[in-house]
C-alpha atoms as a PDB file:
ATOM      1  CA  MET A   1       1.760  35.470  -2.025  1.00  0.00           C
ATOM      2  CA  THR A   2       3.666  32.367  -3.202  1.00  0.00           C
ATOM      3  CA  ARG A   3       4.814  31.761   0.372  1.00  0.00           C
ATOM      4  CA  ARG A   4       1.196  31.485   1.491  1.00  0.00           C
ATOM      5  CA  PHE A   5       0.312  28.815  -1.056  1.00  0.00           C
ATOM      6  CA  ALA A   6       3.410  26.619  -0.708  1.00  0.00           C
ATOM      7  CA  PRO A   7       2.346  25.095   2.648  1.00  0.00           C
ATOM      8  CA  LEU A   8      -1.190  24.610   1.316  1.00  0.00           C
ATOM      9  CA  ALA A   9       0.112  22.841  -1.802  1.00  0.00           C
ATOM     10  CA  ALA A  10       2.344  20.583   0.318  1.00  0.00           C
ATOM     11  CA  LEU A  11      -0.596  19.714   2.557  1.00  0.00           C
ATOM     12  CA  CYS A  12      -2.739  18.841  -0.477  1.00  0.00           C
ATOM     13  CA  VAL A  13      -0.047  16.484  -1.762  1.00  0.00           C
ATOM     14  CA  ILE A  14       0.258  14.772   1.642  1.00  0.00           C
ATOM     15  CA  VAL A  15      -3.514  14.351   1.905  1.00  0.00           C
ATOM     16  CA  ALA A  16      -3.729  12.921  -1.633  1.00  0.00           C
ATOM     17  CA  VAL A  17      -0.958  10.382  -0.961  1.00  0.00           C
ATOM     18  CA  ALA A  18      -2.514   9.386   2.369  1.00  0.00           C
ATOM     19  CA  ALA A  19      -5.933   8.963   0.756  1.00  0.00           C
ATOM     20  CA  ALA A  20      -4.520   6.710  -1.982  1.00  0.00           C
ATOM     21  CA  GLN A  21      -2.695   4.596   0.599  1.00  0.00           C
ATOM     22  CA  SER A  22      -5.637   4.231   2.946  1.00  0.00           C
ATOM     23  CA  GLY A  23      -7.826   3.506  -0.067  1.00  0.00           C
ATOM     24  CA  LEU A  24      -5.697   0.468  -0.851  1.00  0.00           C
ATOM     25  CA  SER A  25      -5.590  -0.944   2.672  1.00  0.00           C
ATOM     26  CA  GLY A  26      -8.173  -3.585   3.499  1.00  0.00           C
ATOM     27  CA  ARG A  27      -9.641  -6.815   2.165  1.00  0.00           C
ATOM     28  CA  TRP A  28     -10.502  -7.260  -1.521  1.00  0.00           C
ATOM     29  CA  GLU A  29     -12.317 -10.228  -3.070  1.00  0.00           C
ATOM     30  CA  GLY A  30     -13.304 -11.474  -6.507  1.00  0.00           C
ATOM     31  CA  SER A  31     -12.753 -14.312  -8.939  1.00  0.00           C
ATOM     32  CA  THR A  32     -10.919 -14.976 -12.182  1.00  0.00           C
ATOM     33  CA  PRO A  33     -12.746 -15.761 -15.441  1.00  0.00           C
ATOM     34  CA  ASN A  34     -12.009 -19.465 -14.865  1.00  0.00           C
ATOM     35  CA  GLY A  35     -13.631 -19.345 -11.414  1.00  0.00           C
ATOM     36  CA  ALA A  36     -10.610 -19.165  -9.090  1.00  0.00           C
ATOM     37  CA  LYS A  37     -11.441 -17.225  -5.916  1.00  0.00           C
ATOM     38  CA  LEU A  38      -9.035 -14.367  -5.178  1.00  0.00           C
ATOM     39  CA  GLN A  39      -8.575 -12.445  -1.968  1.00  0.00           C
ATOM     40  CA  LEU A  40      -6.087  -9.710  -1.143  1.00  0.00           C
ATOM     41  CA  ASP A  41      -5.497  -8.486   2.399  1.00  0.00           C
ATOM     42  CA  LEU A  42      -3.433  -5.325   2.040  1.00  0.00           C
ATOM     43  CA  THR A  43      -1.783  -2.749   4.263  1.00  0.00           C
ATOM     44  CA  ALA A  44      -0.429   0.409   2.664  1.00  0.00           C
ATOM     45  CA  THR A  45       2.078   2.606   4.503  1.00  0.00           C
ATOM     46  CA  ASP A  46       4.033   5.387   2.817  1.00  0.00           C
ATOM     47  CA  ALA A  47       4.989   3.906  -0.573  1.00  0.00           C
ATOM     48  CA  LYS A  48       5.145   0.325   0.754  1.00  0.00           C
ATOM     49  CA  LEU A  49       2.535  -2.405   0.335  1.00  0.00           C
ATOM     50  CA  THR A  50       2.367  -5.537   2.507  1.00  0.00           C
ATOM     51  CA  GLY A  51      -0.162  -8.310   2.949  1.00  0.00           C
ATOM     52  CA  THR A  52      -1.315 -11.636   1.582  1.00  0.00           C
ATOM     53  CA  LEU A  53      -2.755 -13.026  -1.633  1.00  0.00           C
ATOM     54  CA  THR A  54      -5.100 -16.021  -1.439  1.00  0.00           C
ATOM     55  CA  ARG A  55      -6.198 -18.008  -4.472  1.00  0.00           C
ATOM     56  CA  ASN A  56      -8.601 -20.906  -3.876  1.00  0.00           C
ATOM     57  CA  ASP A  57      -7.609 -21.119  -0.196  1.00  0.00           C
ATOM     58  CA  GLN A  58      -3.859 -21.129  -0.990  1.00  0.00           C
ATOM     59  CA  LYS A  59      -2.392 -18.180   0.905  1.00  0.00           C
ATOM     60  CA  THR A  60       0.968 -16.510   0.293  1.00  0.00           C
ATOM     61  CA  THR A  61       2.706 -13.408   1.593  1.00  0.00           C
ATOM     62  CA  ILE A  62       3.352 -10.691  -0.944  1.00  0.00           C
ATOM     63  CA  SER A  63       6.849  -9.216  -1.305  1.00  0.00           C
ATOM     64  CA  ASP A  64       8.421  -6.137  -2.871  1.00  0.00           C
ATOM     65  CA  GLY A  65       5.097  -4.307  -2.605  1.00  0.00           C
ATOM     66  CA  ARG A  66       5.120  -0.689  -3.685  1.00  0.00           C
ATOM     67  CA  ILE A  67       2.580   2.041  -4.280  1.00  0.00           C
ATOM     68  CA  LYS A  68       2.600   5.039  -6.574  1.00  0.00           C
ATOM     69  CA  ASN A  69      -0.491   7.245  -6.629  1.00  0.00           C
ATOM     70  CA  ASN A  70      -3.416   4.880  -7.348  1.00  0.00           C
ATOM     71  CA  THR A  71      -1.254   2.073  -8.797  1.00  0.00           C
ATOM     72  CA  PHE A  72       0.600  -0.719  -7.052  1.00  0.00           C
ATOM     73  CA  ALA A  73       2.862  -3.682  -7.736  1.00  0.00           C
ATOM     74  CA  PHE A  74       4.082  -6.718  -5.791  1.00  0.00           C
ATOM     75  CA  LYS A  75       5.449 -10.237  -6.140  1.00  0.00           C
ATOM     76  CA  ALA A  76       3.922 -13.465  -4.855  1.00  0.00           C
ATOM     77  CA  THR A  77       4.523 -17.196  -5.206  1.00  0.00           C
ATOM     78  CA  LEU A  78       1.594 -19.568  -5.762  1.00  0.00           C
ATOM     79  CA  GLU A  79       1.989 -23.272  -6.530  1.00  0.00           C
ATOM     80  CA  ASP A  80       5.797 -22.870  -6.581  1.00  0.00           C
ATOM     81  CA  GLN A  81       5.606 -20.225  -9.317  1.00  0.00           C
ATOM     82  CA  ALA A  82       6.810 -16.701  -8.596  1.00  0.00           C
ATOM     83  CA  ASP A  83       4.851 -13.992 -10.386  1.00  0.00           C
ATOM     84  CA  ALA A  84       4.823 -10.213 -10.519  1.00  0.00           C
ATOM     85  CA  PHE A  85       1.470  -8.460 -10.193  1.00  0.00           C
ATOM     86  CA  SER A  86       0.370  -4.903 -10.922  1.00  0.00           C
ATOM     87  CA  GLY A  87      -2.872  -3.096 -10.413  1.00  0.00           C
ATOM     88  CA  GLU A  88      -4.803   0.053  -9.777  1.00  0.00           C
ATOM     89  CA  VAL A  89      -7.398   1.085  -7.255  1.00  0.00           C
ATOM     90  CA  LYS A  90     -10.391   3.314  -7.871  1.00  0.00           C
ATOM     91  CA  GLY A  91     -12.801   3.713  -4.993  1.00  0.00           C
ATOM     92  CA  ASP A  92     -14.100   0.312  -3.918  1.00  0.00           C
ATOM     93  CA  GLU A  93     -12.783  -1.496  -7.009  1.00  0.00           C
ATOM     94  CA  LEU A  94      -9.317  -2.843  -7.542  1.00  0.00           C
ATOM     95  CA  ARG A  95      -8.032  -4.142 -10.885  1.00  0.00           C
ATOM     96  CA  ILE A  96      -5.128  -6.592 -10.695  1.00  0.00           C
ATOM     97  CA  TRP A  97      -3.208  -8.520 -13.346  1.00  0.00           C
ATOM     98  CA  LEU A  98      -0.183 -10.739 -13.841  1.00  0.00           C
ATOM     99  CA  ASP A  99       2.552  -8.634 -15.401  1.00  0.00           C
ATOM    100  CA  ARG A 100       3.355 -11.381 -17.915  1.00  0.00           C
ATOM    101  CA  ARG A 101      -0.244 -11.238 -19.203  1.00  0.00           C
ATOM    102  CA  GLY A 102      -0.749  -7.484 -19.098  1.00  0.00           C
ATOM    103  CA  PRO A 103      -3.620  -5.197 -18.039  1.00  0.00           C
ATOM    104  CA  GLU A 104      -5.992  -6.598 -20.670  1.00  0.00           C
ATOM    105  CA  SER A 105      -6.205  -9.727 -18.474  1.00  0.00           C
ATOM    106  CA  ALA A 106      -7.092  -7.751 -15.325  1.00  0.00           C
ATOM    107  CA  VAL A 107      -9.447  -9.158 -12.725  1.00  0.00           C
ATOM    108  CA  THR A 108     -11.652  -6.767 -10.758  1.00  0.00           C
ATOM    109  CA  LEU A 109     -11.865  -7.220  -6.997  1.00  0.00           C
ATOM    110  CA  THR A 110     -14.218  -5.364  -4.705  1.00  0.00           C
ATOM    111  CA  ARG A 111     -13.601  -4.074  -1.208  1.00  0.00           C
ATOM    112  CA  VAL A 112     -15.028  -6.159   1.614  1.00  0.00           C
ATOM    113  CA  LYS A 113     -16.987  -3.806   3.872  1.00  0.00           C
ATOM    114  CA  LYS A 114     -16.501  -4.203   7.613  1.00  0.00           C
END
């Protein structure tokens, strides 16, 4: 009986990982409490995250992007300052924060519908 459920369990894990990755891909927009416009254009493949971060029309490529379940992390440089970012996605909302400030300073972005 265990042999029957092993392939089903593996398939469920693959589907869950794929859903989390595809859920992160796309365009996300919002603003910081001080009014800076933020935009993320993300592509998630396997456990890797690529894309761009734009703040007030200043665009930069993200690096070292990685995904684990519904959380993600990457690095980006804006105004000559390198920063590490972390976040989590839940449906059509994405919370992102600077690692040096912590999750209590998270900004919520929403998915841009096509």
